[in-house]
Amino acid sequence: MSAHFARPDRHPALDGLHDRRMLRELAYVDGQWTAGDAGQTFQVTDPASGAAIGWVSRLDAGQTRVAVDAAARAFPLWRNLLPQERAARLRCWHELMLTARDDLALIMTLEQGKPLAESQAEIDYAASFIEWYAEEGKRLNAEGVTSHLTGAEMIVRREPLGVVGVVTPWNFPSAMLTRKAAAAMSCGCTVVAHPSSETPFSALALAELADRAGIPAGVLNIVTGDAATIVGQLCEDPRVRAMSFTGSTEIGRLIAAQCAPTMKNLVMELGGHAPLIVFADADLDRAVDIAIKAKFATSGQDCLAANRIYVERPIQDHFAAAFATRIAALKVASGLTESADIGPLMHERAVKKVEVQVADALARGGRCLVGGMRHPAGRLFYQPTLLTDVPDDALIMREETFGPVAAITPFDTEADVVARANATEYGLVAYVITTDGARMLRLGRSLEYGMVAINRVKITGAPIPFGGFKQSGLGREGSRHGIEGFTELKYLCIDTQ
């Protein structure tokens, strides 16, 4: 247990932890909890109240190199374990996560702000990736090649790269770590992970459970501190053979540039600007329900959030009225409040971005039907908001929002809405609501997105390849394809004469 735990100004909700060792304030390197050489820390606060949760170790570039040293030393032993042995450790980690679900969810809600029910669902989601990859790591099968040479047998197989750098965001602090780390670890790679400084406790709690699960020292390292310092060192170090990042496209470009001199594999899940297209033949109640879930989960702070809602003109007014009624009923409160729907935004920058987008939309002729300002629940809370008649040149139609604001605009033809939906540098996910089966297939082909959800919201999970087109990312996470970025193909040609 951290020596800081008994501080009198500690968040009172931490008394609800069943296992106080889950709240770790030290970084985790080479199987040890460490404060680093200088013993510097940074404070993590609850976005709902501003109260302190804890003080976390701030490691520097030198200590990041120590973590890479540990991962490089651990790699030969870890990769040479039988896949079944690695799988057994991962399955134990998965089971410990489910046992600690309530504590992990409480920690997440305190540092991230999302409603507790959403945090609990994320823990289940995060654990599912460990379970999936525990089994998938056994299936890096050799690939037979029909020989084109006399007296030669040919084999193609996948081998682990080595040390993998992992950089995770604050909006899904557990799931983004397990989706990356479990894939890398399952095939024999070792990991040096840097969690967002806004939500480090979720990652450190997972490291505590990995330690209890018997994951060997150096296989999983959690390096906390300043992103520019730590991530820059990971990009620079030639021993780090792959970087896996989830975050903005802008930061993804910087990481890609920093990795270019060492030619690393890149797996990147970047920005999204999802269209949600509602056709006139849609069931109105179902369409509104889908729109609520697609827009307002995680208080809108989700790269999969519906950012641009296109409604066929004949039903626009009816849809907007029904949507406004549902939005007005959403409960805004601390994530620890029972039945809360919308929690705080992560920081002041997020609130100001929402305010700028709303003001811009109204200045360009949009109308506000619900909300439109900060919520009295606290300085980082924003009212669930509905804007309608928003023109395509408004900021909210061109930039990712990351807040609880829905923007509606009408369309007249299928060709028109497809062209408008595709007119973006992003291509992560698109949503379509229609009862026309032929249209479902047409839009599934014509929308330039890595994932298309038709008549539903939930489409993600461990078995599916998560990722986008264009500047929404590189590679895929989840599914059997999620291991590919952490492996190299090796070709063997064996003389049999």
Protein backbone atom coordinates (compact mmCIF):
# COMPACT_ATOMS: atom_id res chain seq x y z
CA MET A 1 0.00 0.00 0.00
CA SER A 2 1.28 3.45 -0.86
CA ALA A 3 2.63 5.51 1.98
CA HIS A 4 0.45 8.39 0.78
CA PHE A 5 -2.82 6.49 1.31
CA ALA A 6 -3.57 7.89 4.76
CA ARG A 7 -3.39 11.56 3.76
CA PRO A 8 -6.32 13.39 5.40
CA ASP A 9 -7.36 15.09 2.15
CA ARG A 10 -7.74 11.77 0.35
CA HIS A 11 -11.00 11.31 -1.57
CA PRO A 12 -13.63 9.91 0.83
CA ALA A 13 -15.02 7.53 -1.81
CA LEU A 14 -11.78 5.53 -1.59
CA ASP A 15 -13.14 4.09 1.65
CA GLY A 16 -15.38 2.02 -0.62
CA LEU A 17 -12.45 -0.02 -1.93
CA HIS A 18 -12.57 -3.64 -0.79
CA ASP A 19 -8.84 -4.04 -1.39
CA ARG A 20 -6.84 -0.88 -0.78
CA ARG A 21 -3.76 -2.36 -2.44
CA MET A 22 -5.59 -1.81 -5.73
CA LEU A 23 -4.83 1.92 -5.50
CA ARG A 24 -1.15 2.04 -6.42
CA GLU A 25 0.72 5.34 -6.62
CA LEU A 26 4.11 4.02 -7.67
CA ALA A 27 5.11 3.07 -11.21
CA TYR A 28 5.59 -0.62 -11.98
CA VAL A 29 8.92 -1.56 -13.58
CA ASP A 30 10.62 -4.95 -13.74
CA GLY A 31 8.16 -6.47 -11.29
CA GLN A 32 8.79 -3.76 -8.67
CA TRP A 33 6.88 -0.70 -7.51
CA THR A 34 9.10 2.33 -7.93
CA ALA A 35 9.03 6.05 -7.21
CA GLY A 36 11.87 6.65 -9.67
CA ASP A 37 15.19 8.25 -8.88
CA ALA A 38 13.92 11.73 -8.02
CA GLY A 39 10.76 10.66 -6.20
CA GLN A 40 8.69 13.28 -8.01
CA THR A 41 4.90 12.95 -8.17
CA PHE A 42 1.85 14.47 -9.84
CA GLN A 43 -1.66 14.78 -8.47
CA VAL A 44 -4.69 13.00 -9.90
CA THR A 45 -8.11 14.48 -9.15
CA ASP A 46 -11.77 13.55 -9.51
CA PRO A 47 -13.19 15.57 -12.43
CA ALA A 48 -16.61 15.58 -10.77
CA SER A 49 -15.50 17.29 -7.56
CA GLY A 50 -11.88 18.34 -7.99
CA ALA A 51 -10.96 16.33 -4.89
CA ALA A 52 -7.58 14.61 -4.79
CA ILE A 53 -7.47 10.88 -5.44
CA GLY A 54 -3.73 10.43 -5.07
CA TRP A 55 -0.19 11.37 -6.05
CA VAL A 56 1.49 9.24 -8.69
CA SER A 57 5.19 8.77 -9.45
CA ARG A 58 6.57 10.98 -12.23
CA LEU A 59 9.27 8.97 -14.04
CA ASP A 60 11.70 10.49 -16.52
CA ALA A 61 13.46 9.41 -19.72
CA GLY A 62 16.21 7.58 -17.84
CA GLN A 63 13.70 5.54 -15.88
CA THR A 64 11.82 4.83 -19.11
CA ARG A 65 15.06 3.34 -20.46
CA VAL A 66 15.23 1.20 -17.31
CA ALA A 67 11.74 -0.11 -18.12
CA VAL A 68 12.81 -0.91 -21.68
CA ASP A 69 15.91 -2.64 -20.27
CA ALA A 70 13.63 -4.81 -18.13
CA ALA A 71 11.30 -5.61 -21.03
CA ALA A 72 14.25 -6.48 -23.29
CA ARG A 73 15.69 -8.83 -20.65
CA ALA A 74 12.32 -10.50 -20.09
CA PHE A 75 11.61 -11.01 -23.79
CA PRO A 76 13.70 -14.15 -24.49
CA LEU A 77 12.25 -16.08 -21.55
CA TRP A 78 8.68 -14.94 -22.18
CA ARG A 79 8.73 -15.68 -25.91
CA ASN A 80 10.19 -19.15 -25.31
CA LEU A 81 7.43 -20.20 -22.94
CA LEU A 82 4.94 -22.55 -24.50
CA PRO A 83 1.87 -20.62 -25.69
CA GLN A 84 -0.16 -22.65 -23.21
CA GLU A 85 2.03 -21.36 -20.36
CA ARG A 86 1.59 -17.75 -21.41
CA ALA A 87 -2.13 -18.39 -21.78
CA ALA A 88 -2.38 -19.75 -18.24
CA ARG A 89 -0.89 -16.53 -16.81
CA LEU A 90 -3.20 -14.39 -18.94
CA ARG A 91 -6.27 -16.39 -17.93
CA CYS A 92 -5.35 -15.89 -14.27
CA TRP A 93 -5.04 -12.14 -14.91
CA HIS A 94 -8.48 -12.18 -16.53
CA GLU A 95 -10.05 -14.01 -13.59
CA LEU A 96 -8.48 -11.63 -11.06
CA MET A 97 -9.89 -8.67 -13.00
CA LEU A 98 -13.41 -10.05 -12.80
CA THR A 99 -13.01 -10.74 -9.07
CA ALA A 100 -11.81 -7.15 -8.53
CA ARG A 101 -14.47 -5.67 -10.84
CA ASP A 102 -16.08 -3.40 -8.25
CA ASP A 103 -12.78 -1.90 -7.08
CA LEU A 104 -11.53 -1.40 -10.63
CA ALA A 105 -14.77 0.31 -11.61
CA LEU A 106 -14.71 2.59 -8.56
CA ILE A 107 -11.15 3.66 -9.33
CA MET A 108 -12.07 4.32 -12.95
CA THR A 109 -15.12 6.42 -12.10
CA LEU A 110 -13.12 8.46 -9.58
CA GLU A 111 -10.35 9.37 -12.01
CA GLN A 112 -12.27 9.41 -15.30
CA GLY A 113 -15.75 10.53 -14.22
CA LYS A 114 -17.93 8.14 -16.23
CA PRO A 115 -21.01 6.69 -14.50
CA LEU A 116 -20.22 3.67 -12.35
CA ALA A 117 -22.36 1.34 -14.47
CA GLU A 118 -20.30 2.31 -17.54
CA SER A 119 -17.08 1.69 -15.61
CA GLN A 120 -18.27 -1.76 -14.57
CA ALA A 121 -19.13 -2.54 -18.21
CA GLU A 122 -15.67 -1.38 -19.27
CA ILE A 123 -13.99 -3.73 -16.79
CA ASP A 124 -15.90 -6.64 -18.31
CA TYR A 125 -14.95 -5.42 -21.78
CA ALA A 126 -11.29 -4.98 -20.80
CA ALA A 127 -11.11 -8.44 -19.24
CA SER A 128 -12.59 -10.00 -22.37
CA PHE A 129 -9.50 -9.03 -24.40
CA ILE A 130 -7.23 -10.88 -22.00
CA GLU A 131 -9.41 -13.97 -22.20
CA TRP A 132 -9.55 -13.78 -26.01
CA TYR A 133 -5.82 -13.37 -26.50
CA ALA A 134 -4.98 -16.03 -23.95
CA GLU A 135 -6.45 -18.45 -26.49
CA GLU A 136 -5.55 -16.60 -29.69
CA GLY A 137 -1.85 -16.67 -28.82
CA LYS A 138 -1.96 -20.45 -29.27
CA ARG A 139 -3.00 -20.02 -32.90
CA LEU A 140 0.05 -18.38 -34.46
CA ASN A 141 0.11 -21.35 -36.77
CA ALA A 142 2.77 -22.04 -39.36
CA GLU A 143 1.54 -21.27 -42.86
CA GLY A 144 2.24 -23.81 -45.55
CA VAL A 145 3.41 -22.59 -48.96
CA THR A 146 3.16 -24.69 -52.08
CA SER A 147 6.76 -24.93 -53.21
CA HIS A 148 7.77 -23.54 -56.58
CA LEU A 149 11.30 -24.97 -56.24
CA THR A 150 12.39 -28.56 -56.73
CA GLY A 151 13.44 -30.27 -53.51
CA ALA A 152 12.36 -27.50 -51.16
CA GLU A 153 9.81 -27.24 -48.35
CA MET A 154 8.52 -23.79 -47.48
CA ILE A 155 7.08 -22.50 -44.22
CA VAL A 156 5.86 -19.02 -43.28
CA ARG A 157 5.32 -18.27 -39.61
CA ARG A 158 4.74 -15.33 -37.31
CA GLU A 159 7.28 -14.51 -34.60
CA PRO A 160 7.02 -11.89 -31.81
CA LEU A 161 8.76 -8.59 -32.46
CA GLY A 162 10.19 -7.95 -29.00
CA VAL A 163 9.49 -4.92 -26.80
CA VAL A 164 6.24 -3.09 -27.54
CA GLY A 165 5.49 0.47 -26.45
CA VAL A 166 1.86 1.08 -25.49
CA VAL A 167 0.29 4.53 -25.01
CA THR A 168 -3.28 4.64 -23.71
CA PRO A 169 -5.91 7.42 -23.42
CA TRP A 170 -8.00 8.64 -20.52
CA ASN A 171 -11.47 7.85 -21.90
CA PHE A 172 -11.14 4.04 -21.72
CA PRO A 173 -8.20 3.60 -19.33
CA SER A 174 -8.58 -0.14 -18.73
CA ALA A 175 -9.90 -1.48 -22.03
CA MET A 176 -7.32 0.30 -24.17
CA LEU A 177 -4.50 -1.16 -22.07
CA THR A 178 -5.72 -4.75 -22.13
CA ARG A 179 -6.67 -4.66 -25.83
CA LYS A 180 -3.09 -3.73 -26.70
CA ALA A 181 -1.04 -5.43 -23.99
CA ALA A 182 -2.86 -8.78 -24.03
CA ALA A 183 -2.41 -9.06 -27.81
CA ALA A 184 1.30 -8.27 -27.56
CA MET A 185 1.92 -10.50 -24.54
CA SER A 186 -0.03 -13.45 -25.92
CA CYS A 187 2.33 -13.88 -28.86
CA GLY A 188 5.48 -13.50 -26.74
CA CYS A 189 6.20 -9.76 -26.75
CA THR A 190 6.93 -7.71 -23.63
CA VAL A 191 5.30 -4.34 -22.93
CA VAL A 192 6.25 -0.90 -21.65
CA ALA A 193 3.00 1.04 -21.22
CA HIS A 194 2.39 4.72 -20.56
CA PRO A 195 -1.14 5.53 -19.34
CA SER A 196 -2.64 9.00 -19.55
CA SER A 197 -1.62 11.14 -16.59
CA GLU A 198 -5.30 11.94 -16.03
CA THR A 199 -6.16 8.27 -15.41
CA PRO A 200 -3.05 6.35 -14.28
CA PHE A 201 -4.66 4.49 -11.39
CA SER A 202 -6.64 2.13 -13.65
CA ALA A 203 -3.43 0.98 -15.37
CA LEU A 204 -1.56 0.61 -12.10
CA ALA A 205 -4.40 -1.47 -10.64
CA LEU A 206 -4.16 -3.78 -13.65
CA ALA A 207 -0.42 -4.08 -13.05
CA GLU A 208 -1.13 -5.09 -9.46
CA LEU A 209 -3.39 -7.88 -10.71
CA ALA A 210 -0.90 -8.95 -13.39
CA ASP A 211 1.72 -9.26 -10.67
CA ARG A 212 -0.63 -11.42 -8.60
CA ALA A 213 -1.35 -13.52 -11.70
CA GLY A 214 2.30 -14.46 -11.98
CA ILE A 215 3.16 -12.42 -15.07
CA PRO A 216 7.00 -12.47 -14.87
CA ALA A 217 8.99 -9.37 -14.01
CA GLY A 218 9.63 -7.15 -17.01
CA VAL A 219 6.85 -8.57 -19.18
CA LEU A 220 4.44 -5.73 -18.29
CA ASN A 221 5.80 -2.36 -17.16
CA ILE A 222 3.72 0.75 -16.37
CA VAL A 223 5.67 4.01 -16.67
CA THR A 224 3.81 7.06 -15.32
CA GLY A 225 4.75 10.68 -15.84
CA ASP A 226 4.93 13.30 -18.59
CA ALA A 227 3.78 11.95 -21.96
CA ALA A 228 6.23 13.92 -24.09
CA THR A 229 9.21 12.67 -22.09
CA ILE A 230 8.18 9.02 -21.78
CA VAL A 231 6.64 8.52 -25.21
CA GLY A 232 9.51 10.36 -26.87
CA GLN A 233 11.97 7.96 -25.24
CA LEU A 234 9.95 4.92 -26.33
CA CYS A 235 9.84 6.21 -29.91
CA GLU A 236 13.58 6.87 -29.93
CA ASP A 237 14.71 3.55 -28.43
CA PRO A 238 15.57 1.05 -31.21
CA ARG A 239 14.82 -1.88 -28.90
CA VAL A 240 11.14 -0.90 -28.91
CA ARG A 241 10.01 -2.61 -32.11
CA ALA A 242 6.38 -1.52 -32.17
CA MET A 243 4.31 1.37 -30.84
CA SER A 244 0.60 1.01 -30.17
CA PHE A 245 -1.23 4.28 -29.53
CA THR A 246 -4.83 5.37 -29.00
CA GLY A 247 -5.51 9.09 -29.09
CA SER A 248 -5.87 12.05 -31.40
CA THR A 249 -4.79 12.00 -35.03
CA GLU A 250 -2.57 15.01 -34.33
CA ILE A 251 -0.56 13.18 -31.66
CA GLY A 252 -0.56 10.02 -33.77
CA ARG A 253 1.20 11.91 -36.55
CA LEU A 254 3.86 13.13 -34.11
CA ILE A 255 4.46 9.61 -32.80
CA ALA A 256 4.71 8.23 -36.33
CA ALA A 257 7.29 10.87 -37.20
CA GLN A 258 9.31 10.13 -34.06
CA CYS A 259 9.25 6.39 -34.81
CA ALA A 260 10.36 6.76 -38.43
CA PRO A 261 14.13 6.72 -37.73
CA THR A 262 13.87 3.31 -36.03
CA MET A 263 11.28 1.89 -38.47
CA LYS A 264 8.88 0.58 -35.83
CA ASN A 265 5.62 -1.20 -36.51
CA LEU A 266 2.75 1.16 -35.76
CA VAL A 267 -0.72 0.26 -34.50
CA MET A 268 -2.82 3.40 -34.10
CA GLU A 269 -6.44 3.98 -33.23
CA LEU A 270 -6.87 7.70 -33.86
CA GLY A 271 -9.64 10.26 -34.13
CA GLY A 272 -13.18 9.63 -35.24
CA HIS A 273 -15.95 11.82 -36.65
CA ALA A 274 -18.78 9.33 -36.91
CA PRO A 275 -21.85 10.03 -39.03
CA LEU A 276 -25.20 8.63 -37.94
CA ILE A 277 -27.61 8.45 -40.88
CA VAL A 278 -31.35 8.10 -40.23
CA PHE A 279 -33.52 7.29 -43.24
CA ALA A 280 -37.23 8.09 -43.44
CA ASP A 281 -38.18 4.40 -43.37
CA ALA A 282 -36.59 3.92 -39.93
CA ASP A 283 -38.62 3.07 -36.84
CA LEU A 284 -38.58 6.45 -35.04
CA ASP A 285 -38.41 5.16 -31.47
CA ARG A 286 -35.62 2.74 -32.33
CA ALA A 287 -33.73 5.44 -34.20
CA VAL A 288 -33.88 7.78 -31.23
CA ASP A 289 -32.76 5.06 -28.85
CA ILE A 290 -29.78 4.25 -31.09
CA ALA A 291 -28.89 7.94 -31.37
CA ILE A 292 -28.96 8.40 -27.59
CA LYS A 293 -26.62 5.47 -27.04
CA ALA A 294 -24.34 6.33 -29.95
CA LYS A 295 -23.94 9.96 -28.89
CA PHE A 296 -24.04 10.13 -25.09
CA ALA A 297 -22.13 7.09 -23.80
CA THR A 298 -19.07 8.16 -21.78
CA SER A 299 -20.62 11.65 -21.80
CA GLY A 300 -19.83 11.82 -25.50
CA GLN A 301 -16.10 11.37 -24.83
CA ASP A 302 -15.71 8.43 -27.18
CA CYS A 303 -14.04 8.14 -30.57
CA LEU A 304 -17.06 6.05 -31.64
CA ALA A 305 -19.55 8.75 -30.61
CA ALA A 306 -21.99 9.86 -33.30
CA ASN A 307 -20.72 13.33 -34.12
CA ARG A 308 -22.79 14.22 -37.20
CA ILE A 309 -26.43 13.12 -37.28
CA TYR A 310 -27.98 13.22 -40.76
CA VAL A 311 -31.77 12.82 -40.83
CA GLU A 312 -33.79 12.43 -44.01
CA ARG A 313 -35.81 15.61 -44.42
CA PRO A 314 -39.38 14.17 -44.22
CA ILE A 315 -38.81 12.95 -40.65
CA GLN A 316 -36.33 15.53 -39.38
CA ASP A 317 -38.79 17.49 -37.23
CA HIS A 318 -40.37 14.38 -35.69
CA PHE A 319 -36.97 12.84 -34.98
CA ALA A 320 -35.61 16.06 -33.47
CA ALA A 321 -38.61 16.46 -31.17
CA ALA A 322 -38.42 12.89 -29.89
CA PHE A 323 -34.62 13.08 -29.56
CA ALA A 324 -34.88 16.36 -27.61
CA THR A 325 -37.32 14.78 -25.15
CA ARG A 326 -34.94 11.88 -24.47
CA ILE A 327 -31.94 14.18 -24.13
CA ALA A 328 -33.72 16.43 -21.64
CA ALA A 329 -34.40 13.39 -19.44
CA LEU A 330 -30.73 12.39 -19.12
CA LYS A 331 -29.48 12.64 -15.54
CA VAL A 332 -26.34 14.71 -15.08
CA ALA A 333 -24.36 13.95 -11.91
CA SER A 334 -21.17 12.54 -10.49
CA GLY A 335 -20.48 9.08 -11.84
CA LEU A 336 -20.88 7.75 -8.30
CA THR A 337 -24.51 8.94 -8.18
CA GLU A 338 -27.01 6.17 -8.73
CA SER A 339 -28.55 6.15 -12.22
CA ALA A 340 -26.32 8.96 -13.49
CA ASP A 341 -26.30 9.13 -17.30
CA ILE A 342 -23.85 11.96 -17.93
CA GLY A 343 -20.76 12.60 -15.84
CA PRO A 344 -18.20 15.41 -15.99
CA LEU A 345 -15.92 16.08 -18.92
CA MET A 346 -12.28 15.25 -18.34
CA HIS A 347 -10.85 18.75 -18.06
CA GLU A 348 -11.48 22.42 -18.72
CA ARG A 349 -10.09 22.20 -22.27
CA ALA A 350 -12.84 19.72 -23.16
CA VAL A 351 -15.58 21.99 -21.82
CA LYS A 352 -14.22 25.01 -23.67
CA LYS A 353 -14.04 23.05 -26.92
CA VAL A 354 -17.72 22.13 -26.56
CA GLU A 355 -18.63 25.74 -25.81
CA VAL A 356 -16.78 26.97 -28.90
CA GLN A 357 -18.47 24.38 -31.14
CA VAL A 358 -21.94 25.20 -29.82
CA ALA A 359 -21.43 28.95 -30.21
CA ASP A 360 -20.10 28.46 -33.74
CA ALA A 361 -23.07 26.28 -34.77
CA LEU A 362 -25.56 28.85 -33.46
CA ALA A 363 -23.70 31.69 -35.20
CA ARG A 364 -24.02 29.78 -38.49
CA GLY A 365 -27.78 29.38 -38.24
CA GLY A 366 -28.18 26.29 -36.08
CA ARG A 367 -30.86 26.13 -33.39
CA CYS A 368 -30.48 24.83 -29.82
CA LEU A 369 -33.46 22.68 -28.77
CA VAL A 370 -32.06 21.42 -25.44
CA GLY A 371 -29.16 22.44 -23.22
CA GLY A 372 -26.42 24.64 -24.62
CA MET A 373 -24.47 25.64 -21.52
CA ARG A 374 -22.52 24.38 -18.52
CA HIS A 375 -24.46 22.38 -15.95
CA PRO A 376 -24.76 23.52 -12.31
CA ALA A 377 -23.51 20.10 -11.12
CA GLY A 378 -19.94 21.40 -11.35
CA ARG A 379 -17.41 23.31 -13.42
CA LEU A 380 -16.62 20.34 -15.73
CA PHE A 381 -20.23 19.36 -16.36
CA TYR A 382 -22.01 20.37 -19.57
CA GLN A 383 -25.70 20.06 -20.28
CA PRO A 384 -26.73 17.33 -22.72
CA THR A 385 -27.40 19.43 -25.79
CA LEU A 386 -29.24 19.11 -29.09
CA LEU A 387 -28.50 21.42 -32.02
CA THR A 388 -30.53 21.21 -35.20
CA ASP A 389 -30.28 22.66 -38.71
CA VAL A 390 -26.51 22.72 -38.31
CA PRO A 391 -24.72 23.53 -41.60
CA ASP A 392 -21.89 21.36 -42.88
CA ASP A 393 -19.34 24.16 -42.49
CA ALA A 394 -19.91 24.42 -38.73
CA LEU A 395 -16.98 23.36 -36.53
CA ILE A 396 -19.01 20.57 -34.93
CA MET A 397 -19.56 19.04 -38.37
CA ARG A 398 -15.85 19.19 -39.19
CA GLU A 399 -14.13 18.41 -35.87
CA GLU A 400 -14.49 15.66 -33.28
CA THR A 401 -16.56 16.95 -30.34
CA PHE A 402 -15.81 14.73 -27.32
CA GLY A 403 -18.73 16.07 -25.32
CA PRO A 404 -22.49 15.60 -24.78
CA VAL A 405 -23.62 17.66 -27.78
CA ALA A 406 -25.62 16.19 -30.68
CA ALA A 407 -25.84 18.02 -33.99
CA ILE A 408 -28.59 17.28 -36.54
CA THR A 409 -28.68 18.27 -40.19
CA PRO A 410 -31.15 17.20 -42.92
CA PHE A 411 -30.44 15.33 -46.15
CA ASP A 412 -32.51 14.63 -49.27
CA THR A 413 -30.98 11.69 -51.14
CA GLU A 414 -28.88 8.64 -50.40
CA ALA A 415 -26.12 9.78 -52.75
CA ASP A 416 -26.04 13.19 -51.10
CA VAL A 417 -25.70 11.86 -47.56
CA VAL A 418 -23.03 9.31 -48.49
CA ALA A 419 -20.93 12.02 -50.10
CA ARG A 420 -21.31 14.29 -47.06
CA ALA A 421 -20.59 11.49 -44.61
CA ASN A 422 -17.40 10.59 -46.49
CA ALA A 423 -16.20 14.21 -46.77
CA THR A 424 -13.79 13.95 -43.82
CA GLU A 425 -10.23 12.85 -43.15
CA TYR A 426 -11.59 10.40 -40.58
CA GLY A 427 -13.02 6.94 -41.19
CA LEU A 428 -13.47 5.02 -37.94
CA VAL A 429 -17.17 4.14 -37.61
CA ALA A 430 -20.45 5.07 -39.27
CA TYR A 431 -24.02 4.34 -38.12
CA VAL A 432 -26.95 3.66 -40.46
CA ILE A 433 -30.61 3.31 -39.49
CA THR A 434 -32.92 1.94 -42.16
CA THR A 435 -35.28 -0.97 -42.79
CA ASP A 436 -34.30 -1.28 -46.47
CA GLY A 437 -32.10 -4.36 -46.82
CA ALA A 438 -30.64 -3.37 -50.18
CA ARG A 439 -29.74 0.05 -48.79
CA MET A 440 -27.97 -1.59 -45.85
CA LEU A 441 -25.70 -3.42 -48.28
CA ARG A 442 -25.15 -0.38 -50.49
CA LEU A 443 -24.11 1.84 -47.59
CA GLY A 444 -21.99 -0.91 -46.10
CA ARG A 445 -19.93 -0.70 -49.30
CA SER A 446 -20.05 3.02 -50.03
CA LEU A 447 -19.26 4.46 -46.58
CA GLU A 448 -15.48 4.90 -46.21
CA TYR A 449 -15.20 3.64 -42.66
CA GLY A 450 -13.45 0.70 -41.05
CA MET A 451 -16.63 -0.23 -39.16
CA VAL A 452 -20.27 0.27 -40.13
CA ALA A 453 -23.05 -0.30 -37.59
CA ILE A 454 -26.46 -0.90 -39.11
CA ASN A 455 -29.53 -0.57 -36.87
CA ARG A 456 -27.48 -1.00 -33.70
CA VAL A 457 -24.83 0.68 -31.53
CA LYS A 458 -22.77 -2.00 -29.85
CA ILE A 459 -20.50 -3.61 -32.41
CA THR A 460 -17.14 -3.84 -30.63
CA GLY A 461 -15.67 -6.78 -28.74
CA ALA A 462 -12.63 -9.00 -28.55
CA PRO A 463 -13.38 -11.07 -31.70
CA ILE A 464 -13.76 -8.10 -34.09
CA PRO A 465 -11.04 -6.08 -35.90
CA PHE A 466 -11.33 -2.57 -34.44
CA GLY A 467 -9.87 0.22 -36.55
CA GLY A 468 -10.45 2.82 -39.20
CA PHE A 469 -9.73 4.09 -42.69
CA LYS A 470 -7.81 7.20 -43.69
CA GLN A 471 -6.48 9.24 -40.74
CA SER A 472 -8.44 7.29 -38.16
CA GLY A 473 -5.58 4.86 -37.72
CA LEU A 474 -3.21 2.13 -38.80
CA GLY A 475 -3.71 -1.60 -38.29
CA ARG A 476 -6.40 -3.27 -36.22
CA GLU A 477 -6.96 -4.13 -32.57
CA GLY A 478 -8.95 -7.10 -31.32
CA SER A 479 -9.60 -10.27 -33.33
CA ARG A 480 -6.83 -12.45 -34.76
CA HIS A 481 -5.66 -9.40 -36.71
CA GLY A 482 -4.81 -7.63 -33.45
CA ILE A 483 -1.68 -9.74 -33.04
CA GLU A 484 -0.32 -8.97 -36.51
CA GLY A 485 1.19 -5.61 -35.58
CA PHE A 486 3.29 -7.23 -32.87
CA THR A 487 4.75 -9.99 -35.04
CA GLU A 488 7.01 -10.41 -38.05
CA LEU A 489 6.50 -12.91 -40.84
CA LYS A 490 9.44 -15.29 -41.21
CA TYR A 491 9.91 -17.47 -44.28
CA LEU A 492 11.84 -20.75 -44.08
CA CYS A 493 12.99 -22.56 -47.21
CA ILE A 494 14.32 -26.03 -46.35
CA ASP A 495 16.26 -28.15 -48.82
CA THR A 496 14.96 -31.71 -48.87
CA GLN A 497 17.36 -33.26 -51.42
